[in-house]
Amino acid sequence: MLIVIVIVVAALLGALLGGVAGFVIGGLIGGVFGFVMVGRSLRRVREQFIETTFSVMGALCKADGVVTRAELDVVERIWTRLHLTPEQKEAAKTAFKRGKAPGFDLDGTVREFARLAPPGSAFFQLFLQLQRTAINADGELHPTEQAMLMRVARLLGLSEHDLAQLEALLRSATQTTSTRDCAPSSKSPLENAYVALGVSATASEADIRAAYRKVIRENHPDRLASKGLPESMRVVAEERTRELNAAFDQIKKARQFA
């Protein structure tokens, strides 16, 4: 509860500071302008998140030459899962069609998203998690899809280590649930748990706990919402937090932490 209060207060302070800065520069009108600009910026990030998510998803699903029925079914399940409004669903459909059409500017679209979105891997990991779910609908990842996914990750400024963490979380979920959205894993659940937290199997208890606190803090739904994550994406952020908690619990049990 405390972390939620801290994050919400931080978000309010961000907006307040925007208004104060405007006030210092231009008095009352400047202060109002500062508040408005902060609100517009967050709204733009939220709109761009949905727009980019589904246009890139269309491009990735078409990367191997054809968008399969299984992939379309998963995309539709994602729409339902995110509780999109009718307007957002229509925007998502339009974006998906544009993404799978010839001539789609993948690099330009992703770069614009990276420019507008807050810095840091946590915000983009959720974006990539949805992409990975869609293209794994048939239980396998085509080499061209994998290559394009890595290209998108690099355009977002993420490293291959970041992507490996994401894939480890998805593999762990496949091994512990009945979901059919991800390909089977060749690693054990414990191995995936270490990768998910970004630590080695030989890391000390102190390092593991520190890594866990860091990823939980960075991926907290309220923290991401304060940076512009759409409310519809909250369910994905909450799922990622649960997966990180499960990974840490698995390591604690295996290492017999107190």
C-alpha atoms as a PDB file:
ATOM      1  CA  MET A   1       0.000   0.000   0.000  1.00  0.00           C
ATOM      2  CA  LEU A   2       2.855   2.347   0.867  1.00  0.00           C
ATOM      3  CA  ILE A   3       4.488   1.985  -2.543  1.00  0.00           C
ATOM      4  CA  VAL A   4       1.178   2.814  -4.263  1.00  0.00           C
ATOM      5  CA  ILE A   5       0.845   5.995  -2.178  1.00  0.00           C
ATOM      6  CA  VAL A   6       4.444   6.976  -2.956  1.00  0.00           C
ATOM      7  CA  ILE A   7       3.969   6.431  -6.690  1.00  0.00           C
ATOM      8  CA  VAL A   8       0.696   8.351  -6.840  1.00  0.00           C
ATOM      9  CA  VAL A   9       2.234  11.228  -4.881  1.00  0.00           C
ATOM     10  CA  ALA A  10       5.212  11.211  -7.260  1.00  0.00           C
ATOM     11  CA  ALA A  11       2.885  11.419 -10.258  1.00  0.00           C
ATOM     12  CA  LEU A  12       0.978  14.329  -8.700  1.00  0.00           C
ATOM     13  CA  LEU A  13       4.227  16.078  -7.881  1.00  0.00           C
ATOM     14  CA  GLY A  14       5.295  15.678 -11.509  1.00  0.00           C
ATOM     15  CA  ALA A  15       2.159  17.440 -12.697  1.00  0.00           C
ATOM     16  CA  LEU A  16       2.505  20.037  -9.910  1.00  0.00           C
ATOM     17  CA  LEU A  17       6.089  20.803 -10.842  1.00  0.00           C
ATOM     18  CA  GLY A  18       5.021  21.234 -14.452  1.00  0.00           C
ATOM     19  CA  GLY A  19       2.460  23.766 -13.341  1.00  0.00           C
ATOM     20  CA  VAL A  20       4.841  25.515 -10.947  1.00  0.00           C
ATOM     21  CA  ALA A  21       7.499  25.799 -13.631  1.00  0.00           C
ATOM     22  CA  GLY A  22       4.956  27.350 -15.961  1.00  0.00           C
ATOM     23  CA  PHE A  23       3.805  29.721 -13.221  1.00  0.00           C
ATOM     24  CA  VAL A  24       7.355  30.891 -12.495  1.00  0.00           C
ATOM     25  CA  ILE A  25       7.894  31.589 -16.170  1.00  0.00           C
ATOM     26  CA  GLY A  26       4.539  33.084 -17.084  1.00  0.00           C
ATOM     27  CA  GLY A  27       2.431  33.702 -13.997  1.00  0.00           C
ATOM     28  CA  LEU A  28      -1.096  32.283 -13.748  1.00  0.00           C
ATOM     29  CA  ILE A  29      -1.464  31.649 -17.473  1.00  0.00           C
ATOM     30  CA  GLY A  30       1.900  29.944 -17.567  1.00  0.00           C
ATOM     31  CA  GLY A  31       0.945  27.757 -14.607  1.00  0.00           C
ATOM     32  CA  VAL A  32      -2.277  26.602 -16.250  1.00  0.00           C
ATOM     33  CA  PHE A  33      -0.366  25.955 -19.465  1.00  0.00           C
ATOM     34  CA  GLY A  34       2.142  23.802 -17.564  1.00  0.00           C
ATOM     35  CA  PHE A  35      -0.606  21.593 -16.108  1.00  0.00           C
ATOM     36  CA  VAL A  36      -2.308  21.284 -19.508  1.00  0.00           C
ATOM     37  CA  MET A  37       0.918  20.312 -21.254  1.00  0.00           C
ATOM     38  CA  VAL A  38       1.628  17.548 -18.729  1.00  0.00           C
ATOM     39  CA  GLY A  39      -1.888  16.155 -19.231  1.00  0.00           C
ATOM     40  CA  ARG A  40      -1.602  16.329 -23.006  1.00  0.00           C
ATOM     41  CA  SER A  41       1.774  14.624 -22.934  1.00  0.00           C
ATOM     42  CA  LEU A  42       0.446  11.655 -20.925  1.00  0.00           C
ATOM     43  CA  ARG A  43      -2.630  11.403 -23.134  1.00  0.00           C
ATOM     44  CA  ARG A  44      -0.438  11.400 -26.249  1.00  0.00           C
ATOM     45  CA  VAL A  45       1.730   8.612 -24.806  1.00  0.00           C
ATOM     46  CA  ARG A  46      -1.389   6.508 -24.059  1.00  0.00           C
ATOM     47  CA  GLU A  47      -2.774   7.015 -27.564  1.00  0.00           C
ATOM     48  CA  GLN A  48       0.586   6.260 -29.146  1.00  0.00           C
ATOM     49  CA  PHE A  49       0.966   3.099 -27.042  1.00  0.00           C
ATOM     50  CA  ILE A  50      -2.205   1.503 -28.440  1.00  0.00           C
ATOM     51  CA  GLU A  51      -1.539   2.789 -31.943  1.00  0.00           C
ATOM     52  CA  THR A  52       2.011   1.431 -32.043  1.00  0.00           C
ATOM     53  CA  THR A  53       1.182  -1.821 -30.243  1.00  0.00           C
ATOM     54  CA  PHE A  54      -1.275  -2.974 -32.878  1.00  0.00           C
ATOM     55  CA  SER A  55       0.391  -1.573 -35.995  1.00  0.00           C
ATOM     56  CA  VAL A  56       3.672  -3.291 -35.063  1.00  0.00           C
ATOM     57  CA  MET A  57       1.695  -6.418 -34.145  1.00  0.00           C
ATOM     58  CA  GLY A  58       0.255  -6.445 -37.668  1.00  0.00           C
ATOM     59  CA  ALA A  59       3.727  -6.157 -39.175  1.00  0.00           C
ATOM     60  CA  LEU A  60       5.136  -8.936 -36.976  1.00  0.00           C
ATOM     61  CA  CYS A  61       2.259 -11.320 -37.680  1.00  0.00           C
ATOM     62  CA  LYS A  62       2.791 -10.746 -41.424  1.00  0.00           C
ATOM     63  CA  ALA A  63       6.590 -11.100 -41.183  1.00  0.00           C
ATOM     64  CA  ASP A  64       6.539 -14.785 -42.204  1.00  0.00           C
ATOM     65  CA  GLY A  65       4.337 -13.993 -45.219  1.00  0.00           C
ATOM     66  CA  VAL A  66       0.878 -14.747 -43.841  1.00  0.00           C
ATOM     67  CA  VAL A  67      -1.296 -13.776 -40.896  1.00  0.00           C
ATOM     68  CA  THR A  68      -2.719 -17.065 -39.615  1.00  0.00           C
ATOM     69  CA  ARG A  69      -6.153 -17.632 -38.151  1.00  0.00           C
ATOM     70  CA  ALA A  70      -4.489 -18.556 -34.859  1.00  0.00           C
ATOM     71  CA  GLU A  71      -2.693 -15.193 -34.776  1.00  0.00           C
ATOM     72  CA  LEU A  72      -5.920 -13.309 -35.517  1.00  0.00           C
ATOM     73  CA  ASP A  73      -7.678 -15.213 -32.739  1.00  0.00           C
ATOM     74  CA  VAL A  74      -4.956 -14.213 -30.275  1.00  0.00           C
ATOM     75  CA  VAL A  75      -5.103 -10.570 -31.399  1.00  0.00           C
ATOM     76  CA  GLU A  76      -8.859 -10.575 -30.795  1.00  0.00           C
ATOM     77  CA  ARG A  77      -8.299 -12.122 -27.358  1.00  0.00           C
ATOM     78  CA  ILE A  78      -5.820  -9.351 -26.608  1.00  0.00           C
ATOM     79  CA  TRP A  79      -8.478  -6.751 -27.482  1.00  0.00           C
ATOM     80  CA  THR A  80     -10.836  -8.439 -25.028  1.00  0.00           C
ATOM     81  CA  ARG A  81      -8.139  -8.850 -22.401  1.00  0.00           C
ATOM     82  CA  LEU A  82      -7.301  -5.143 -22.513  1.00  0.00           C
ATOM     83  CA  HIS A  83     -10.970  -4.141 -22.180  1.00  0.00           C
ATOM     84  CA  LEU A  84     -10.647  -1.687 -25.056  1.00  0.00           C
ATOM     85  CA  THR A  85     -13.491   0.757 -25.561  1.00  0.00           C
ATOM     86  CA  PRO A  86     -15.343   0.513 -28.908  1.00  0.00           C
ATOM     87  CA  GLU A  87     -13.360   3.524 -30.158  1.00  0.00           C
ATOM     88  CA  GLN A  88     -10.049   2.032 -29.025  1.00  0.00           C
ATOM     89  CA  LYS A  89     -10.923  -1.320 -30.606  1.00  0.00           C
ATOM     90  CA  GLU A  90     -11.634   0.345 -33.949  1.00  0.00           C
ATOM     91  CA  ALA A  91      -8.360   2.257 -33.688  1.00  0.00           C
ATOM     92  CA  ALA A  92      -6.546  -1.002 -32.870  1.00  0.00           C
ATOM     93  CA  LYS A  93      -8.132  -2.769 -35.873  1.00  0.00           C
ATOM     94  CA  THR A  94      -7.151   0.078 -38.190  1.00  0.00           C
ATOM     95  CA  ALA A  95      -3.608   0.112 -36.814  1.00  0.00           C
ATOM     96  CA  PHE A  96      -3.265  -3.684 -37.210  1.00  0.00           C
ATOM     97  CA  LYS A  97      -4.399  -3.516 -40.861  1.00  0.00           C
ATOM     98  CA  ARG A  98      -1.979  -0.690 -41.555  1.00  0.00           C
ATOM     99  CA  GLY A  99       0.877  -2.610 -39.965  1.00  0.00           C
ATOM    100  CA  LYS A 100       0.398  -5.721 -42.096  1.00  0.00           C
ATOM    101  CA  ALA A 101      -0.005  -3.737 -45.323  1.00  0.00           C
ATOM    102  CA  PRO A 102       2.919  -3.445 -47.785  1.00  0.00           C
ATOM    103  CA  GLY A 103       5.069  -0.385 -47.274  1.00  0.00           C
ATOM    104  CA  PHE A 104       4.437  -0.017 -43.550  1.00  0.00           C
ATOM    105  CA  ASP A 105       7.189   2.105 -41.993  1.00  0.00           C
ATOM    106  CA  LEU A 106       8.114  -0.149 -39.077  1.00  0.00           C
ATOM    107  CA  ASP A 107      11.330   1.648 -38.143  1.00  0.00           C
ATOM    108  CA  GLY A 108       9.768   5.112 -38.252  1.00  0.00           C
ATOM    109  CA  THR A 109       6.745   4.011 -36.219  1.00  0.00           C
ATOM    110  CA  VAL A 110       8.838   2.390 -33.487  1.00  0.00           C
ATOM    111  CA  ARG A 111      11.293   5.288 -33.334  1.00  0.00           C
ATOM    112  CA  GLU A 112       8.437   7.773 -32.891  1.00  0.00           C
ATOM    113  CA  PHE A 113       7.007   5.635 -30.096  1.00  0.00           C
ATOM    114  CA  ALA A 114      10.431   5.432 -28.428  1.00  0.00           C
ATOM    115  CA  ARG A 115      10.770   9.213 -28.684  1.00  0.00           C
ATOM    116  CA  LEU A 116       7.401   9.929 -27.036  1.00  0.00           C
ATOM    117  CA  ALA A 117       7.393   7.197 -24.384  1.00  0.00           C
ATOM    118  CA  PRO A 118       9.177   7.550 -21.038  1.00  0.00           C
ATOM    119  CA  PRO A 119      12.712   6.096 -20.999  1.00  0.00           C
ATOM    120  CA  GLY A 120      13.394   2.748 -19.384  1.00  0.00           C
ATOM    121  CA  SER A 121      12.941  -0.891 -20.315  1.00  0.00           C
ATOM    122  CA  ALA A 122       9.897  -1.623 -18.117  1.00  0.00           C
ATOM    123  CA  PHE A 123       7.495   0.414 -20.245  1.00  0.00           C
ATOM    124  CA  PHE A 124       8.704  -1.250 -23.431  1.00  0.00           C
ATOM    125  CA  GLN A 125       8.816  -4.768 -21.981  1.00  0.00           C
ATOM    126  CA  LEU A 126       5.016  -4.763 -21.722  1.00  0.00           C
ATOM    127  CA  PHE A 127       4.818  -3.656 -25.337  1.00  0.00           C
ATOM    128  CA  LEU A 128       7.113  -6.496 -26.418  1.00  0.00           C
ATOM    129  CA  GLN A 129       5.277  -9.003 -24.236  1.00  0.00           C
ATOM    130  CA  LEU A 130       2.086  -8.420 -26.223  1.00  0.00           C
ATOM    131  CA  GLN A 131       3.983  -8.714 -29.509  1.00  0.00           C
ATOM    132  CA  ARG A 132       5.554 -12.016 -28.441  1.00  0.00           C
ATOM    133  CA  THR A 133       2.152 -13.356 -27.398  1.00  0.00           C
ATOM    134  CA  ALA A 134       0.597 -12.582 -30.785  1.00  0.00           C
ATOM    135  CA  ILE A 135       3.304 -14.079 -32.997  1.00  0.00           C
ATOM    136  CA  ASN A 136       3.571 -17.199 -30.839  1.00  0.00           C
ATOM    137  CA  ALA A 137      -0.091 -18.019 -31.383  1.00  0.00           C
ATOM    138  CA  ASP A 138       0.706 -21.157 -33.382  1.00  0.00           C
ATOM    139  CA  GLY A 139       3.244 -22.408 -30.812  1.00  0.00           C
ATOM    140  CA  GLU A 140       6.368 -21.519 -32.761  1.00  0.00           C
ATOM    141  CA  LEU A 141       8.382 -18.428 -33.538  1.00  0.00           C
ATOM    142  CA  HIS A 142       9.357 -18.112 -37.202  1.00  0.00           C
ATOM    143  CA  PRO A 143      12.955 -16.892 -37.764  1.00  0.00           C
ATOM    144  CA  THR A 144      11.727 -13.798 -39.643  1.00  0.00           C
ATOM    145  CA  GLU A 145       9.376 -12.964 -36.762  1.00  0.00           C
ATOM    146  CA  GLN A 146      12.176 -13.437 -34.239  1.00  0.00           C
ATOM    147  CA  ALA A 147      14.489 -11.222 -36.296  1.00  0.00           C
ATOM    148  CA  MET A 148      11.856  -8.502 -36.589  1.00  0.00           C
ATOM    149  CA  LEU A 149      11.089  -8.666 -32.878  1.00  0.00           C
ATOM    150  CA  MET A 150      14.786  -8.166 -32.099  1.00  0.00           C
ATOM    151  CA  ARG A 151      14.867  -5.281 -34.578  1.00  0.00           C
ATOM    152  CA  VAL A 152      11.945  -3.632 -32.788  1.00  0.00           C
ATOM    153  CA  ALA A 153      13.643  -4.185 -29.405  1.00  0.00           C
ATOM    154  CA  ARG A 154      16.822  -2.495 -30.640  1.00  0.00           C
ATOM    155  CA  LEU A 155      14.857   0.429 -32.087  1.00  0.00           C
ATOM    156  CA  LEU A 156      13.311   0.873 -28.658  1.00  0.00           C
ATOM    157  CA  GLY A 157      16.794   0.962 -27.162  1.00  0.00           C
ATOM    158  CA  LEU A 158      16.504  -2.411 -25.414  1.00  0.00           C
ATOM    159  CA  SER A 159      19.335  -4.911 -25.261  1.00  0.00           C
ATOM    160  CA  GLU A 160      19.236  -8.595 -26.097  1.00  0.00           C
ATOM    161  CA  HIS A 161      19.524  -9.174 -22.347  1.00  0.00           C
ATOM    162  CA  ASP A 162      16.243  -7.259 -21.857  1.00  0.00           C
ATOM    163  CA  LEU A 163      14.545  -9.389 -24.495  1.00  0.00           C
ATOM    164  CA  ALA A 164      15.950 -12.560 -22.931  1.00  0.00           C
ATOM    165  CA  GLN A 165      14.344 -11.544 -19.639  1.00  0.00           C
ATOM    166  CA  LEU A 166      10.994 -11.087 -21.353  1.00  0.00           C
ATOM    167  CA  GLU A 167      11.218 -14.451 -23.090  1.00  0.00           C
ATOM    168  CA  ALA A 168      12.139 -16.130 -19.816  1.00  0.00           C
ATOM    169  CA  LEU A 169       9.005 -14.740 -18.183  1.00  0.00           C
ATOM    170  CA  LEU A 170       6.866 -15.971 -21.065  1.00  0.00           C
ATOM    171  CA  ARG A 171       8.475 -19.417 -20.976  1.00  0.00           C
ATOM    172  CA  SER A 172       7.962 -19.634 -17.230  1.00  0.00           C
ATOM    173  CA  ALA A 173       4.291 -18.762 -17.670  1.00  0.00           C
ATOM    174  CA  THR A 174       3.960 -21.491 -20.287  1.00  0.00           C
ATOM    175  CA  GLN A 175       5.386 -24.067 -17.888  1.00  0.00           C
ATOM    176  CA  THR A 176       3.133 -23.093 -14.980  1.00  0.00           C
ATOM    177  CA  THR A 177      -0.178 -22.354 -16.763  1.00  0.00           C
ATOM    178  CA  SER A 178      -2.296 -23.825 -19.532  1.00  0.00           C
ATOM    179  CA  THR A 179      -1.809 -20.857 -21.875  1.00  0.00           C
ATOM    180  CA  ARG A 180      -1.214 -21.720 -25.519  1.00  0.00           C
ATOM    181  CA  ASP A 181       0.058 -18.282 -26.503  1.00  0.00           C
ATOM    182  CA  CYS A 182       3.760 -19.042 -25.998  1.00  0.00           C
ATOM    183  CA  ALA A 183       6.193 -21.599 -27.330  1.00  0.00           C
ATOM    184  CA  PRO A 184       7.492 -24.349 -25.022  1.00  0.00           C
ATOM    185  CA  SER A 185      10.720 -23.728 -23.120  1.00  0.00           C
ATOM    186  CA  SER A 186      13.966 -25.684 -23.298  1.00  0.00           C
ATOM    187  CA  LYS A 187      15.012 -24.281 -19.899  1.00  0.00           C
ATOM    188  CA  SER A 188      13.820 -25.289 -16.471  1.00  0.00           C
ATOM    189  CA  PRO A 189      11.421 -22.995 -14.568  1.00  0.00           C
ATOM    190  CA  LEU A 190      14.212 -22.151 -12.110  1.00  0.00           C
ATOM    191  CA  GLU A 191      16.603 -21.174 -14.907  1.00  0.00           C
ATOM    192  CA  ASN A 192      13.906 -18.941 -16.389  1.00  0.00           C
ATOM    193  CA  ALA A 193      13.289 -17.390 -12.966  1.00  0.00           C
ATOM    194  CA  TYR A 194      16.919 -16.262 -12.697  1.00  0.00           C
ATOM    195  CA  VAL A 195      16.839 -14.786 -16.206  1.00  0.00           C
ATOM    196  CA  ALA A 196      13.526 -13.047 -15.473  1.00  0.00           C
ATOM    197  CA  LEU A 197      15.111 -11.174 -12.552  1.00  0.00           C
ATOM    198  CA  GLY A 198      18.273 -10.492 -14.521  1.00  0.00           C
ATOM    199  CA  VAL A 199      20.631 -12.373 -12.203  1.00  0.00           C
ATOM    200  CA  SER A 200      22.834 -15.448 -12.493  1.00  0.00           C
ATOM    201  CA  ALA A 201      22.217 -18.705 -10.674  1.00  0.00           C
ATOM    202  CA  THR A 202      25.335 -18.008  -8.596  1.00  0.00           C
ATOM    203  CA  ALA A 203      24.237 -14.535  -7.453  1.00  0.00           C
ATOM    204  CA  SER A 204      24.198 -13.860  -3.729  1.00  0.00           C
ATOM    205  CA  GLU A 205      20.977 -13.587  -1.761  1.00  0.00           C
ATOM    206  CA  ALA A 206      21.573  -9.848  -1.318  1.00  0.00           C
ATOM    207  CA  ASP A 207      22.020  -9.327  -5.077  1.00  0.00           C
ATOM    208  CA  ILE A 208      18.927 -11.374  -5.879  1.00  0.00           C
ATOM    209  CA  ARG A 209      16.799  -9.435  -3.410  1.00  0.00           C
ATOM    210  CA  ALA A 210      18.132  -6.132  -4.756  1.00  0.00           C
ATOM    211  CA  ALA A 211      17.392  -7.177  -8.355  1.00  0.00           C
ATOM    212  CA  TYR A 212      13.885  -8.255  -7.369  1.00  0.00           C
ATOM    213  CA  ARG A 213      13.122  -4.944  -5.634  1.00  0.00           C
ATOM    214  CA  LYS A 214      14.421  -3.049  -8.666  1.00  0.00           C
ATOM    215  CA  VAL A 215      12.297  -4.869 -11.272  1.00  0.00           C
ATOM    216  CA  ILE A 216       9.187  -4.740  -9.069  1.00  0.00           C
ATOM    217  CA  ARG A 217       9.638  -1.001  -8.561  1.00  0.00           C
ATOM    218  CA  GLU A 218      10.197  -0.399 -12.290  1.00  0.00           C
ATOM    219  CA  ASN A 219       7.242  -2.547 -13.363  1.00  0.00           C
ATOM    220  CA  HIS A 220       4.686  -1.457 -10.769  1.00  0.00           C
ATOM    221  CA  PRO A 221       1.381  -0.691 -12.596  1.00  0.00           C
ATOM    222  CA  ASP A 222       0.886   2.628 -10.762  1.00  0.00           C
ATOM    223  CA  ARG A 223       4.395   3.779 -11.597  1.00  0.00           C
ATOM    224  CA  LEU A 224       3.886   2.953 -15.281  1.00  0.00           C
ATOM    225  CA  ALA A 225       0.433   4.581 -15.296  1.00  0.00           C
ATOM    226  CA  SER A 226       1.977   7.786 -13.965  1.00  0.00           C
ATOM    227  CA  LYS A 227       4.271   7.749 -17.003  1.00  0.00           C
ATOM    228  CA  GLY A 228       1.434   7.340 -19.494  1.00  0.00           C
ATOM    229  CA  LEU A 229       0.610   3.630 -19.627  1.00  0.00           C
ATOM    230  CA  PRO A 230      -3.031   3.316 -20.818  1.00  0.00           C
ATOM    231  CA  GLU A 231      -5.500   2.056 -18.218  1.00  0.00           C
ATOM    232  CA  SER A 232      -6.372  -0.767 -20.624  1.00  0.00           C
ATOM    233  CA  MET A 233      -2.777  -2.004 -20.315  1.00  0.00           C
ATOM    234  CA  ARG A 234      -2.929  -2.220 -16.525  1.00  0.00           C
ATOM    235  CA  VAL A 235      -3.941  -5.885 -16.684  1.00  0.00           C
ATOM    236  CA  VAL A 236      -0.728  -6.678 -18.587  1.00  0.00           C
ATOM    237  CA  ALA A 237       1.383  -4.740 -16.079  1.00  0.00           C
ATOM    238  CA  GLU A 238      -0.293  -6.574 -13.196  1.00  0.00           C
ATOM    239  CA  GLU A 239       0.338  -9.904 -14.906  1.00  0.00           C
ATOM    240  CA  ARG A 240       4.013  -9.059 -15.353  1.00  0.00           C
ATOM    241  CA  THR A 241       4.271  -8.130 -11.673  1.00  0.00           C
ATOM    242  CA  ARG A 242       2.726 -11.478 -10.691  1.00  0.00           C
ATOM    243  CA  GLU A 243       5.212 -13.303 -12.925  1.00  0.00           C
ATOM    244  CA  LEU A 244       8.141 -11.449 -11.348  1.00  0.00           C
ATOM    245  CA  ASN A 245       6.823 -12.311  -7.889  1.00  0.00           C
ATOM    246  CA  ALA A 246       6.468 -15.960  -8.914  1.00  0.00           C
ATOM    247  CA  ALA A 247      10.033 -15.981 -10.259  1.00  0.00           C
ATOM    248  CA  PHE A 248      11.380 -14.579  -6.988  1.00  0.00           C
ATOM    249  CA  ASP A 249       9.338 -17.055  -4.920  1.00  0.00           C
ATOM    250  CA  GLN A 250      10.730 -19.910  -6.992  1.00  0.00           C
ATOM    251  CA  ILE A 251      14.299 -18.796  -6.369  1.00  0.00           C
ATOM    252  CA  LYS A 252      13.629 -18.258  -2.665  1.00  0.00           C
ATOM    253  CA  LYS A 253      12.288 -21.781  -2.363  1.00  0.00           C
ATOM    254  CA  ALA A 254      15.169 -23.325  -4.298  1.00  0.00           C
ATOM    255  CA  ARG A 255      17.813 -21.366  -2.378  1.00  0.00           C
ATOM    256  CA  GLN A 256      15.959 -21.701   0.940  1.00  0.00           C
ATOM    257  CA  PHE A 257      16.050 -17.990   1.715  1.00  0.00           C
ATOM    258  CA  ALA A 258      14.650 -17.035   5.115  1.00  0.00           C
END
